Amino acid sequence: MDTPIKLKRLHPEAIVPAFKTAGAACADLYTVDQCYLKPDEHRAFSLGWAMEIPVGYEVVIRPRSGLALKRGITVLNSPGTIDSDYRGEVSVILVNHSFESRWI
């Protein structure tokens, strides 16, 4: 995408999403919330930033297959969609499908 997305950091510890390798299809996301997610529990995790998506585009949040396979954690409303007119803090709804509490 040649159209830039403007990001505004809302939390001092927020990590701006970045593509980790040249072949990465998606950027990794990090939460500013840290807690245990109990088995079968779901909750929204704040990312600590807001963004301005150009009109005509959307941002899609998808789960990582490794996180789902190894830890049982996935995005509950997968794929999560962020519309171009949304200007609030971005969050991700995670669910723990494992039998153990998981540190997020």
PDB file of N, CA and C in Angstrom:
ATOM      1  N   MET A   1       0.846  -1.176   0.000  1.00  0.00           N
ATOM      2  CA  MET A   1       0.000   0.000   0.000  1.00  0.00           C
ATOM      3  C   MET A   1       0.883   1.229   0.000  1.00  0.00           C
ATOM      4  N   ASP A   2       0.714   2.107  -0.954  1.00  0.00           N
ATOM      5  CA  ASP A   2       1.499   3.330  -1.045  1.00  0.00           C
ATOM      6  C   ASP A   2       0.892   4.467  -0.239  1.00  0.00           C
ATOM      7  N   THR A   3      -0.350   4.330   0.168  1.00  0.00           N
ATOM      8  CA  THR A   3      -1.019   5.362   0.945  1.00  0.00           C
ATOM      9  C   THR A   3      -0.634   5.204   2.415  1.00  0.00           C
ATOM     10  N   PRO A   4      -0.020   6.219   3.013  1.00  0.00           N
ATOM     11  CA  PRO A   4       0.408   6.070   4.406  1.00  0.00           C
ATOM     12  C   PRO A   4      -0.767   6.095   5.384  1.00  0.00           C
ATOM     13  N   ILE A   5      -0.590   5.396   6.473  1.00  0.00           N
ATOM     14  CA  ILE A   5      -1.557   5.413   7.567  1.00  0.00           C
ATOM     15  C   ILE A   5      -0.930   6.221   8.689  1.00  0.00           C
ATOM     16  N   LYS A   6      -1.631   7.254   9.141  1.00  0.00           N
ATOM     17  CA  LYS A   6      -1.130   8.076  10.242  1.00  0.00           C
ATOM     18  C   LYS A   6      -1.445   7.383  11.558  1.00  0.00           C
ATOM     19  N   LEU A   7      -0.434   7.272  12.415  1.00  0.00           N
ATOM     20  CA  LEU A   7      -0.595   6.646  13.715  1.00  0.00           C
ATOM     21  C   LEU A   7      -0.316   7.662  14.811  1.00  0.00           C
ATOM     22  N   LYS A   8      -1.106   7.605  15.877  1.00  0.00           N
ATOM     23  CA  LYS A   8      -0.891   8.490  17.023  1.00  0.00           C
ATOM     24  C   LYS A   8      -0.751   7.630  18.265  1.00  0.00           C
ATOM     25  N   ARG A   9       0.392   7.730  18.917  1.00  0.00           N
ATOM     26  CA  ARG A   9       0.641   6.975  20.140  1.00  0.00           C
ATOM     27  C   ARG A   9      -0.144   7.611  21.286  1.00  0.00           C
ATOM     28  N   LEU A  10      -0.955   6.810  21.984  1.00  0.00           N
ATOM     29  CA  LEU A  10      -1.781   7.281  23.090  1.00  0.00           C
ATOM     30  C   LEU A  10      -1.236   6.845  24.449  1.00  0.00           C
ATOM     31  N   HIS A  11      -0.296   5.925  24.446  1.00  0.00           N
ATOM     32  CA  HIS A  11       0.276   5.366  25.663  1.00  0.00           C
ATOM     33  C   HIS A  11       1.793   5.359  25.501  1.00  0.00           C
ATOM     34  N   PRO A  12       2.548   5.786  26.509  1.00  0.00           N
ATOM     35  CA  PRO A  12       4.004   5.878  26.361  1.00  0.00           C
ATOM     36  C   PRO A  12       4.699   4.550  26.061  1.00  0.00           C
ATOM     37  N   GLU A  13       4.096   3.440  26.460  1.00  0.00           N
ATOM     38  CA  GLU A  13       4.718   2.134  26.223  1.00  0.00           C
ATOM     39  C   GLU A  13       4.201   1.442  24.962  1.00  0.00           C
ATOM     40  N   ALA A  14       3.361   2.107  24.207  1.00  0.00           N
ATOM     41  CA  ALA A  14       2.796   1.506  22.997  1.00  0.00           C
ATOM     42  C   ALA A  14       3.901   1.226  21.973  1.00  0.00           C
ATOM     43  N   ILE A  15       3.797   0.079  21.339  1.00  0.00           N
ATOM     44  CA  ILE A  15       4.735  -0.313  20.284  1.00  0.00           C
ATOM     45  C   ILE A  15       4.024  -0.154  18.950  1.00  0.00           C
ATOM     46  N   VAL A  16       4.611   0.642  18.082  1.00  0.00           N
ATOM     47  CA  VAL A  16       4.042   0.879  16.757  1.00  0.00           C
ATOM     48  C   VAL A  16       4.193  -0.400  15.927  1.00  0.00           C
ATOM     49  N   PRO A  17       3.121  -0.841  15.241  1.00  0.00           N
ATOM     50  CA  PRO A  17       3.214  -2.065  14.433  1.00  0.00           C
ATOM     51  C   PRO A  17       4.270  -1.918  13.348  1.00  0.00           C
ATOM     52  N   ALA A  18       4.959  -3.030  13.094  1.00  0.00           N
ATOM     53  CA  ALA A  18       6.014  -3.018  12.072  1.00  0.00           C
ATOM     54  C   ALA A  18       6.089  -4.390  11.411  1.00  0.00           C
ATOM     55  N   PHE A  19       6.467  -4.389  10.146  1.00  0.00           N
ATOM     56  CA  PHE A  19       6.711  -5.628   9.421  1.00  0.00           C
ATOM     57  C   PHE A  19       8.107  -6.103   9.818  1.00  0.00           C
ATOM     58  N   LYS A  20       8.219  -7.297  10.399  1.00  0.00           N
ATOM     59  CA  LYS A  20       9.484  -7.775  10.967  1.00  0.00           C
ATOM     60  C   LYS A  20      10.459  -8.317   9.925  1.00  0.00           C
ATOM     61  N   THR A  21       9.962  -8.792   8.794  1.00  0.00           N
ATOM     62  CA  THR A  21      10.839  -9.314   7.747  1.00  0.00           C
ATOM     63  C   THR A  21      10.374  -8.800   6.391  1.00  0.00           C
ATOM     64  N   ALA A  22      11.234  -8.908   5.402  1.00  0.00           N
ATOM     65  CA  ALA A  22      10.898  -8.433   4.054  1.00  0.00           C
ATOM     66  C   ALA A  22       9.710  -9.198   3.468  1.00  0.00           C
ATOM     67  N   GLY A  23       9.539 -10.454   3.868  1.00  0.00           N
ATOM     68  CA  GLY A  23       8.449 -11.271   3.337  1.00  0.00           C
ATOM     69  C   GLY A  23       7.202 -11.297   4.200  1.00  0.00           C
ATOM     70  N   ALA A  24       7.184 -10.516   5.273  1.00  0.00           N
ATOM     71  CA  ALA A  24       6.034 -10.524   6.184  1.00  0.00           C
ATOM     72  C   ALA A  24       4.793  -9.975   5.489  1.00  0.00           C
ATOM     73  N   ALA A  25       3.692 -10.710   5.593  1.00  0.00           N
ATOM     74  CA  ALA A  25       2.428 -10.273   5.004  1.00  0.00           C
ATOM     75  C   ALA A  25       1.704  -9.285   5.909  1.00  0.00           C
ATOM     76  N   CYS A  26       1.998  -9.336   7.202  1.00  0.00           N
ATOM     77  CA  CYS A  26       1.301  -8.505   8.180  1.00  0.00           C
ATOM     78  C   CYS A  26       2.286  -7.976   9.212  1.00  0.00           C
ATOM     79  N   ALA A  27       1.873  -6.922   9.898  1.00  0.00           N
ATOM     80  CA  ALA A  27       2.663  -6.357  10.986  1.00  0.00           C
ATOM     81  C   ALA A  27       2.245  -7.005  12.297  1.00  0.00           C
ATOM     82  N   ASP A  28       3.195  -7.166  13.210  1.00  0.00           N
ATOM     83  CA  ASP A  28       2.894  -7.699  14.526  1.00  0.00           C
ATOM     84  C   ASP A  28       2.310  -6.607  15.405  1.00  0.00           C
ATOM     85  N   LEU A  29       1.393  -6.989  16.294  1.00  0.00           N
ATOM     86  CA  LEU A  29       0.757  -6.059  17.216  1.00  0.00           C
ATOM     87  C   LEU A  29       1.120  -6.427  18.644  1.00  0.00           C
ATOM     88  N   TYR A  30       1.193  -5.404  19.510  1.00  0.00           N
ATOM     89  CA  TYR A  30       1.543  -5.599  20.911  1.00  0.00           C
ATOM     90  C   TYR A  30       0.573  -4.814  21.779  1.00  0.00           C
ATOM     91  N   THR A  31       0.134  -5.417  22.858  1.00  0.00           N
ATOM     92  CA  THR A  31      -0.810  -4.763  23.756  1.00  0.00           C
ATOM     93  C   THR A  31      -0.082  -3.982  24.848  1.00  0.00           C
ATOM     94  N   VAL A  32      -0.727  -2.949  25.343  1.00  0.00           N
ATOM     95  CA  VAL A  32      -0.205  -2.237  26.510  1.00  0.00           C
ATOM     96  C   VAL A  32      -0.822  -2.809  27.783  1.00  0.00           C
ATOM     97  N   ASP A  33      -1.851  -3.638  27.636  1.00  0.00           N
ATOM     98  CA  ASP A  33      -2.469  -4.332  28.768  1.00  0.00           C
ATOM     99  C   ASP A  33      -1.693  -5.619  29.007  1.00  0.00           C
ATOM    100  N   GLN A  34      -1.380  -5.892  30.238  1.00  0.00           N
ATOM    101  CA  GLN A  34      -0.715  -7.146  30.564  1.00  0.00           C
ATOM    102  C   GLN A  34      -1.485  -7.826  31.681  1.00  0.00           C
ATOM    103  N   CYS A  35      -1.916  -9.047  31.418  1.00  0.00           N
ATOM    104  CA  CYS A  35      -2.663  -9.795  32.418  1.00  0.00           C
ATOM    105  C   CYS A  35      -2.768 -11.245  31.964  1.00  0.00           C
ATOM    106  N   TYR A  36      -3.301 -12.074  32.842  1.00  0.00           N
ATOM    107  CA  TYR A  36      -3.591 -13.463  32.479  1.00  0.00           C
ATOM    108  C   TYR A  36      -4.961 -13.520  31.830  1.00  0.00           C
ATOM    109  N   LEU A  37      -5.044 -14.292  30.769  1.00  0.00           N
ATOM    110  CA  LEU A  37      -6.316 -14.593  30.129  1.00  0.00           C
ATOM    111  C   LEU A  37      -6.643 -16.034  30.505  1.00  0.00           C
ATOM    112  N   LYS A  38      -7.712 -16.221  31.256  1.00  0.00           N
ATOM    113  CA  LYS A  38      -8.076 -17.535  31.767  1.00  0.00           C
ATOM    114  C   LYS A  38      -8.650 -18.413  30.653  1.00  0.00           C
ATOM    115  N   PRO A  39      -8.688 -19.730  30.854  1.00  0.00           N
ATOM    116  CA  PRO A  39      -9.299 -20.617  29.855  1.00  0.00           C
ATOM    117  C   PRO A  39     -10.733 -20.193  29.542  1.00  0.00           C
ATOM    118  N   ASP A  40     -11.074 -20.178  28.283  1.00  0.00           N
ATOM    119  CA  ASP A  40     -12.394 -19.786  27.764  1.00  0.00           C
ATOM    120  C   ASP A  40     -12.739 -18.319  27.998  1.00  0.00           C
ATOM    121  N   GLU A  41     -11.832 -17.528  28.520  1.00  0.00           N
ATOM    122  CA  GLU A  41     -12.071 -16.106  28.737  1.00  0.00           C
ATOM    123  C   GLU A  41     -11.731 -15.318  27.475  1.00  0.00           C
ATOM    124  N   HIS A  42     -12.457 -14.227  27.270  1.00  0.00           N
ATOM    125  CA  HIS A  42     -12.133 -13.308  26.181  1.00  0.00           C
ATOM    126  C   HIS A  42     -12.218 -11.892  26.705  1.00  0.00           C
ATOM    127  N   ARG A  43     -11.393 -11.006  26.132  1.00  0.00           N
ATOM    128  CA  ARG A  43     -11.434  -9.598  26.515  1.00  0.00           C
ATOM    129  C   ARG A  43     -10.702  -8.777  25.471  1.00  0.00           C
ATOM    130  N   ALA A  44     -10.996  -7.483  25.476  1.00  0.00           N
ATOM    131  CA  ALA A  44     -10.335  -6.553  24.563  1.00  0.00           C
ATOM    132  C   ALA A  44      -9.024  -6.095  25.187  1.00  0.00           C
ATOM    133  N   PHE A  45      -7.982  -6.099  24.390  1.00  0.00           N
ATOM    134  CA  PHE A  45      -6.657  -5.633  24.800  1.00  0.00           C
ATOM    135  C   PHE A  45      -6.311  -4.378  24.020  1.00  0.00           C
ATOM    136  N   SER A  46      -6.023  -3.305  24.748  1.00  0.00           N
ATOM    137  CA  SER A  46      -5.672  -2.026  24.109  1.00  0.00           C
ATOM    138  C   SER A  46      -4.274  -2.099  23.525  1.00  0.00           C
ATOM    139  N   LEU A  47      -4.105  -1.468  22.352  1.00  0.00           N
ATOM    140  CA  LEU A  47      -2.800  -1.434  21.703  1.00  0.00           C
ATOM    141  C   LEU A  47      -2.040  -0.137  22.002  1.00  0.00           C
ATOM    142  N   GLY A  48      -2.743   0.859  22.531  1.00  0.00           N
ATOM    143  CA  GLY A  48      -2.065   2.084  22.943  1.00  0.00           C
ATOM    144  C   GLY A  48      -1.875   3.116  21.862  1.00  0.00           C
ATOM    145  N   TRP A  49      -2.561   2.957  20.736  1.00  0.00           N
ATOM    146  CA  TRP A  49      -2.459   3.935  19.658  1.00  0.00           C
ATOM    147  C   TRP A  49      -3.763   3.996  18.869  1.00  0.00           C
ATOM    148  N   ALA A  50      -3.909   5.091  18.162  1.00  0.00           N
ATOM    149  CA  ALA A  50      -5.040   5.296  17.247  1.00  0.00           C
ATOM    150  C   ALA A  50      -4.448   5.531  15.865  1.00  0.00           C
ATOM    151  N   MET A  51      -5.270   5.420  14.848  1.00  0.00           N
ATOM    152  CA  MET A  51      -4.758   5.647  13.494  1.00  0.00           C
ATOM    153  C   MET A  51      -5.799   6.304  12.621  1.00  0.00           C
ATOM    154  N   GLU A  52      -5.313   6.903  11.556  1.00  0.00           N
ATOM    155  CA  GLU A  52      -6.163   7.522  10.550  1.00  0.00           C
ATOM    156  C   GLU A  52      -6.001   6.721   9.257  1.00  0.00           C
ATOM    157  N   ILE A  53      -7.024   5.946   8.956  1.00  0.00           N
ATOM    158  CA  ILE A  53      -6.998   5.088   7.769  1.00  0.00           C
ATOM    159  C   ILE A  53      -7.588   5.880   6.605  1.00  0.00           C
ATOM    160  N   PRO A  54      -6.922   5.901   5.460  1.00  0.00           N
ATOM    161  CA  PRO A  54      -7.464   6.633   4.309  1.00  0.00           C
ATOM    162  C   PRO A  54      -8.838   6.100   3.886  1.00  0.00           C
ATOM    163  N   VAL A  55      -9.690   6.992   3.426  1.00  0.00           N
ATOM    164  CA  VAL A  55     -11.011   6.620   2.931  1.00  0.00           C
ATOM    165  C   VAL A  55     -10.850   5.598   1.804  1.00  0.00           C
ATOM    166  N   GLY A  56     -11.686   4.581   1.833  1.00  0.00           N
ATOM    167  CA  GLY A  56     -11.624   3.535   0.821  1.00  0.00           C
ATOM    168  C   GLY A  56     -10.795   2.332   1.246  1.00  0.00           C
ATOM    169  N   TYR A  57     -10.160   2.414   2.429  1.00  0.00           N
ATOM    170  CA  TYR A  57      -9.354   1.322   2.953  1.00  0.00           C
ATOM    171  C   TYR A  57      -9.913   0.859   4.287  1.00  0.00           C
ATOM    172  N   GLU A  58      -9.481  -0.300   4.718  1.00  0.00           N
ATOM    173  CA  GLU A  58      -9.771  -0.824   6.038  1.00  0.00           C
ATOM    174  C   GLU A  58      -8.501  -1.480   6.550  1.00  0.00           C
ATOM    175  N   VAL A  59      -8.428  -1.689   7.843  1.00  0.00           N
ATOM    176  CA  VAL A  59      -7.346  -2.469   8.438  1.00  0.00           C
ATOM    177  C   VAL A  59      -7.974  -3.734   8.991  1.00  0.00           C
ATOM    178  N   VAL A  60      -7.339  -4.864   8.732  1.00  0.00           N
ATOM    179  CA  VAL A  60      -7.851  -6.156   9.162  1.00  0.00           C
ATOM    180  C   VAL A  60      -6.883  -6.751  10.177  1.00  0.00           C
ATOM    181  N   ILE A  61      -7.420  -7.217  11.299  1.00  0.00           N
ATOM    182  CA  ILE A  61      -6.610  -7.870  12.329  1.00  0.00           C
ATOM    183  C   ILE A  61      -6.925  -9.353  12.286  1.00  0.00           C
ATOM    184  N   ARG A  62      -5.872 -10.138  12.056  1.00  0.00           N
ATOM    185  CA  ARG A  62      -6.019 -11.588  11.963  1.00  0.00           C
ATOM    186  C   ARG A  62      -5.151 -12.258  13.016  1.00  0.00           C
ATOM    187  N   PRO A  63      -5.521 -13.462  13.432  1.00  0.00           N
ATOM    188  CA  PRO A  63      -4.701 -14.172  14.417  1.00  0.00           C
ATOM    189  C   PRO A  63      -3.440 -14.743  13.783  1.00  0.00           C
ATOM    190  N   ARG A  64      -2.441 -14.957  14.616  1.00  0.00           N
ATOM    191  CA  ARG A  64      -1.222 -15.637  14.184  1.00  0.00           C
ATOM    192  C   ARG A  64      -1.438 -17.133  14.339  1.00  0.00           C
ATOM    193  N   SER A  65      -1.130 -17.892  13.310  1.00  0.00           N
ATOM    194  CA  SER A  65      -1.366 -19.332  13.380  1.00  0.00           C
ATOM    195  C   SER A  65      -0.503 -19.992  14.445  1.00  0.00           C
ATOM    196  N   GLY A  66       0.724 -19.532  14.630  1.00  0.00           N
ATOM    197  CA  GLY A  66       1.598 -20.112  15.650  1.00  0.00           C
ATOM    198  C   GLY A  66       1.076 -19.883  17.049  1.00  0.00           C
ATOM    199  N   LEU A  67       0.536 -18.700  17.309  1.00  0.00           N
ATOM    200  CA  LEU A  67      -0.025 -18.393  18.627  1.00  0.00           C
ATOM    201  C   LEU A  67      -1.255 -19.257  18.900  1.00  0.00           C
ATOM    202  N   ALA A  68      -2.053 -19.468  17.878  1.00  0.00           N
ATOM    203  CA  ALA A  68      -3.244 -20.314  18.031  1.00  0.00           C
ATOM    204  C   ALA A  68      -2.845 -21.776  18.251  1.00  0.00           C
ATOM    205  N   LEU A  69      -1.891 -22.262  17.482  1.00  0.00           N
ATOM    206  CA  LEU A  69      -1.478 -23.661  17.580  1.00  0.00           C
ATOM    207  C   LEU A  69      -0.739 -23.941  18.885  1.00  0.00           C
ATOM    208  N   LYS A  70       0.223 -23.091  19.228  1.00  0.00           N
ATOM    209  CA  LYS A  70       1.080 -23.357  20.388  1.00  0.00           C
ATOM    210  C   LYS A  70       0.482 -22.930  21.720  1.00  0.00           C
ATOM    211  N   ARG A  71      -0.358 -21.874  21.718  1.00  0.00           N
ATOM    212  CA  ARG A  71      -0.846 -21.322  22.973  1.00  0.00           C
ATOM    213  C   ARG A  71      -2.372 -21.329  23.114  1.00  0.00           C
ATOM    214  N   GLY A  72      -3.088 -21.582  22.023  1.00  0.00           N
ATOM    215  CA  GLY A  72      -4.546 -21.610  22.085  1.00  0.00           C
ATOM    216  C   GLY A  72      -5.186 -20.230  22.118  1.00  0.00           C
ATOM    217  N   ILE A  73      -4.428 -19.186  21.753  1.00  0.00           N
ATOM    218  CA  ILE A  73      -4.921 -17.804  21.769  1.00  0.00           C
ATOM    219  C   ILE A  73      -5.248 -17.387  20.343  1.00  0.00           C
ATOM    220  N   THR A  74      -6.418 -16.781  20.153  1.00  0.00           N
ATOM    221  CA  THR A  74      -6.792 -16.320  18.820  1.00  0.00           C
ATOM    222  C   THR A  74      -7.634 -15.045  18.933  1.00  0.00           C
ATOM    223  N   VAL A  75      -7.873 -14.417  17.805  1.00  0.00           N
ATOM    224  CA  VAL A  75      -8.714 -13.219  17.741  1.00  0.00           C
ATOM    225  C   VAL A  75     -10.167 -13.690  17.691  1.00  0.00           C
ATOM    226  N   LEU A  76     -10.977 -13.240  18.644  1.00  0.00           N
ATOM    227  CA  LEU A  76     -12.343 -13.736  18.772  1.00  0.00           C
ATOM    228  C   LEU A  76     -13.202 -13.386  17.563  1.00  0.00           C
ATOM    229  N   ASN A  77     -13.150 -12.154  17.104  1.00  0.00           N
ATOM    230  CA  ASN A  77     -13.989 -11.722  15.976  1.00  0.00           C
ATOM    231  C   ASN A  77     -13.191 -11.733  14.679  1.00  0.00           C
ATOM    232  N   SER A  78     -12.461 -12.796  14.466  1.00  0.00           N
ATOM    233  CA  SER A  78     -11.544 -12.878  13.330  1.00  0.00           C
ATOM    234  C   SER A  78     -12.283 -12.996  12.003  1.00  0.00           C
ATOM    235  N   PRO A  79     -11.904 -12.206  11.017  1.00  0.00           N
ATOM    236  CA  PRO A  79     -10.942 -11.110  11.134  1.00  0.00           C
ATOM    237  C   PRO A  79     -11.594  -9.864  11.728  1.00  0.00           C
ATOM    238  N   GLY A  80     -10.859  -9.175  12.566  1.00  0.00           N
ATOM    239  CA  GLY A  80     -11.332  -7.905  13.115  1.00  0.00           C
ATOM    240  C   GLY A  80     -11.150  -6.806  12.084  1.00  0.00           C
ATOM    241  N   THR A  81     -12.153  -5.994  11.899  1.00  0.00           N
ATOM    242  CA  THR A  81     -12.105  -4.934  10.896  1.00  0.00           C
ATOM    243  C   THR A  81     -12.103  -3.571  11.568  1.00  0.00           C
ATOM    244  N   ILE A  82     -11.216  -2.701  11.113  1.00  0.00           N
ATOM    245  CA  ILE A  82     -11.198  -1.313  11.559  1.00  0.00           C
ATOM    246  C   ILE A  82     -11.540  -0.458  10.345  1.00  0.00           C
ATOM    247  N   ASP A  83     -12.651   0.249  10.430  1.00  0.00           N
ATOM    248  CA  ASP A  83     -13.132   1.077   9.319  1.00  0.00           C
ATOM    249  C   ASP A  83     -12.326   2.364   9.201  1.00  0.00           C
ATOM    250  N   SER A  84     -12.355   2.955   8.012  1.00  0.00           N
ATOM    251  CA  SER A  84     -11.574   4.168   7.755  1.00  0.00           C
ATOM    252  C   SER A  84     -12.038   5.365   8.575  1.00  0.00           C
ATOM    253  N   ASP A  85     -13.261   5.357   9.064  1.00  0.00           N
ATOM    254  CA  ASP A  85     -13.742   6.505   9.842  1.00  0.00           C
ATOM    255  C   ASP A  85     -13.594   6.319  11.354  1.00  0.00           C
ATOM    256  N   TYR A  86     -12.993   5.204  11.798  1.00  0.00           N
ATOM    257  CA  TYR A  86     -12.777   4.998  13.232  1.00  0.00           C
ATOM    258  C   TYR A  86     -11.521   5.736  13.664  1.00  0.00           C
ATOM    259  N   ARG A  87     -11.609   6.527  14.738  1.00  0.00           N
ATOM    260  CA  ARG A  87     -10.477   7.325  15.194  1.00  0.00           C
ATOM    261  C   ARG A  87     -10.095   7.041  16.646  1.00  0.00           C
ATOM    262  N   GLY A  88     -10.736   6.083  17.293  1.00  0.00           N
ATOM    263  CA  GLY A  88     -10.432   5.784  18.690  1.00  0.00           C
ATOM    264  C   GLY A  88      -9.231   4.867  18.840  1.00  0.00           C
ATOM    265  N   GLU A  89      -8.935   4.551  20.095  1.00  0.00           N
ATOM    266  CA  GLU A  89      -7.825   3.642  20.380  1.00  0.00           C
ATOM    267  C   GLU A  89      -8.145   2.255  19.819  1.00  0.00           C
ATOM    268  N   VAL A  90      -7.164   1.649  19.210  1.00  0.00           N
ATOM    269  CA  VAL A  90      -7.342   0.331  18.606  1.00  0.00           C
ATOM    270  C   VAL A  90      -7.144  -0.740  19.681  1.00  0.00           C
ATOM    271  N   SER A  91      -8.049  -1.712  19.682  1.00  0.00           N
ATOM    272  CA  SER A  91      -7.988  -2.849  20.599  1.00  0.00           C
ATOM    273  C   SER A  91      -8.148  -4.130  19.790  1.00  0.00           C
ATOM    274  N   VAL A  92      -7.734  -5.220  20.394  1.00  0.00           N
ATOM    275  CA  VAL A  92      -7.884  -6.539  19.787  1.00  0.00           C
ATOM    276  C   VAL A  92      -8.598  -7.427  20.797  1.00  0.00           C
ATOM    277  N   ILE A  93      -9.643  -8.128  20.358  1.00  0.00           N
ATOM    278  CA  ILE A  93     -10.374  -9.033  21.237  1.00  0.00           C
ATOM    279  C   ILE A  93      -9.749 -10.417  21.117  1.00  0.00           C
ATOM    280  N   LEU A  94      -9.142 -10.869  22.212  1.00  0.00           N
ATOM    281  CA  LEU A  94      -8.501 -12.185  22.229  1.00  0.00           C
ATOM    282  C   LEU A  94      -9.327 -13.157  23.053  1.00  0.00           C
ATOM    283  N   VAL A  95      -9.227 -14.436  22.696  1.00  0.00           N
ATOM    284  CA  VAL A  95      -9.892 -15.500  23.440  1.00  0.00           C
ATOM    285  C   VAL A  95      -8.870 -16.604  23.687  1.00  0.00           C
ATOM    286  N   ASN A  96      -8.965 -17.201  24.861  1.00  0.00           N
ATOM    287  CA  ASN A  96      -8.079 -18.294  25.243  1.00  0.00           C
ATOM    288  C   ASN A  96      -8.833 -19.614  25.112  1.00  0.00           C
ATOM    289  N   HIS A  97      -8.481 -20.396  24.102  1.00  0.00           N
ATOM    290  CA  HIS A  97      -9.110 -21.699  23.892  1.00  0.00           C
ATOM    291  C   HIS A  97      -8.333 -22.843  24.555  1.00  0.00           C
ATOM    292  N   SER A  98      -7.275 -22.502  25.281  1.00  0.00           N
ATOM    293  CA  SER A  98      -6.493 -23.543  25.932  1.00  0.00           C
ATOM    294  C   SER A  98      -7.104 -23.896  27.286  1.00  0.00           C
ATOM    295  N   PHE A  99      -6.469 -24.835  27.968  1.00  0.00           N
ATOM    296  CA  PHE A  99      -6.930 -25.242  29.291  1.00  0.00           C
ATOM    297  C   PHE A  99      -6.117 -24.588  30.411  1.00  0.00           C
ATOM    298  N   GLU A 100      -5.232 -23.633  30.036  1.00  0.00           N
ATOM    299  CA  GLU A 100      -4.367 -22.966  31.001  1.00  0.00           C
ATOM    300  C   GLU A 100      -4.548 -21.458  30.866  1.00  0.00           C
ATOM    301  N   SER A 101      -4.321 -20.742  31.971  1.00  0.00           N
ATOM    302  CA  SER A 101      -4.267 -19.290  31.892  1.00  0.00           C
ATOM    303  C   SER A 101      -3.026 -18.901  31.106  1.00  0.00           C
ATOM    304  N   ARG A 102      -3.151 -17.890  30.260  1.00  0.00           N
ATOM    305  CA  ARG A 102      -2.034 -17.463  29.406  1.00  0.00           C
ATOM    306  C   ARG A 102      -1.714 -15.999  29.687  1.00  0.00           C
ATOM    307  N   TRP A 103      -0.427 -15.698  29.837  1.00  0.00           N
ATOM    308  CA  TRP A 103       0.018 -14.323  30.045  1.00  0.00           C
ATOM    309  C   TRP A 103       0.013 -13.588  28.711  1.00  0.00           C
ATOM    310  N   ILE A 104      -0.693 -12.490  28.664  1.00  0.00           N
ATOM    311  CA  ILE A 104      -0.771 -11.678  27.460  1.00  0.00           C
ATOM    312  C   ILE A 104      -0.024 -10.383  27.720  1.00  0.00           C
TER     313      ILE A 104
END
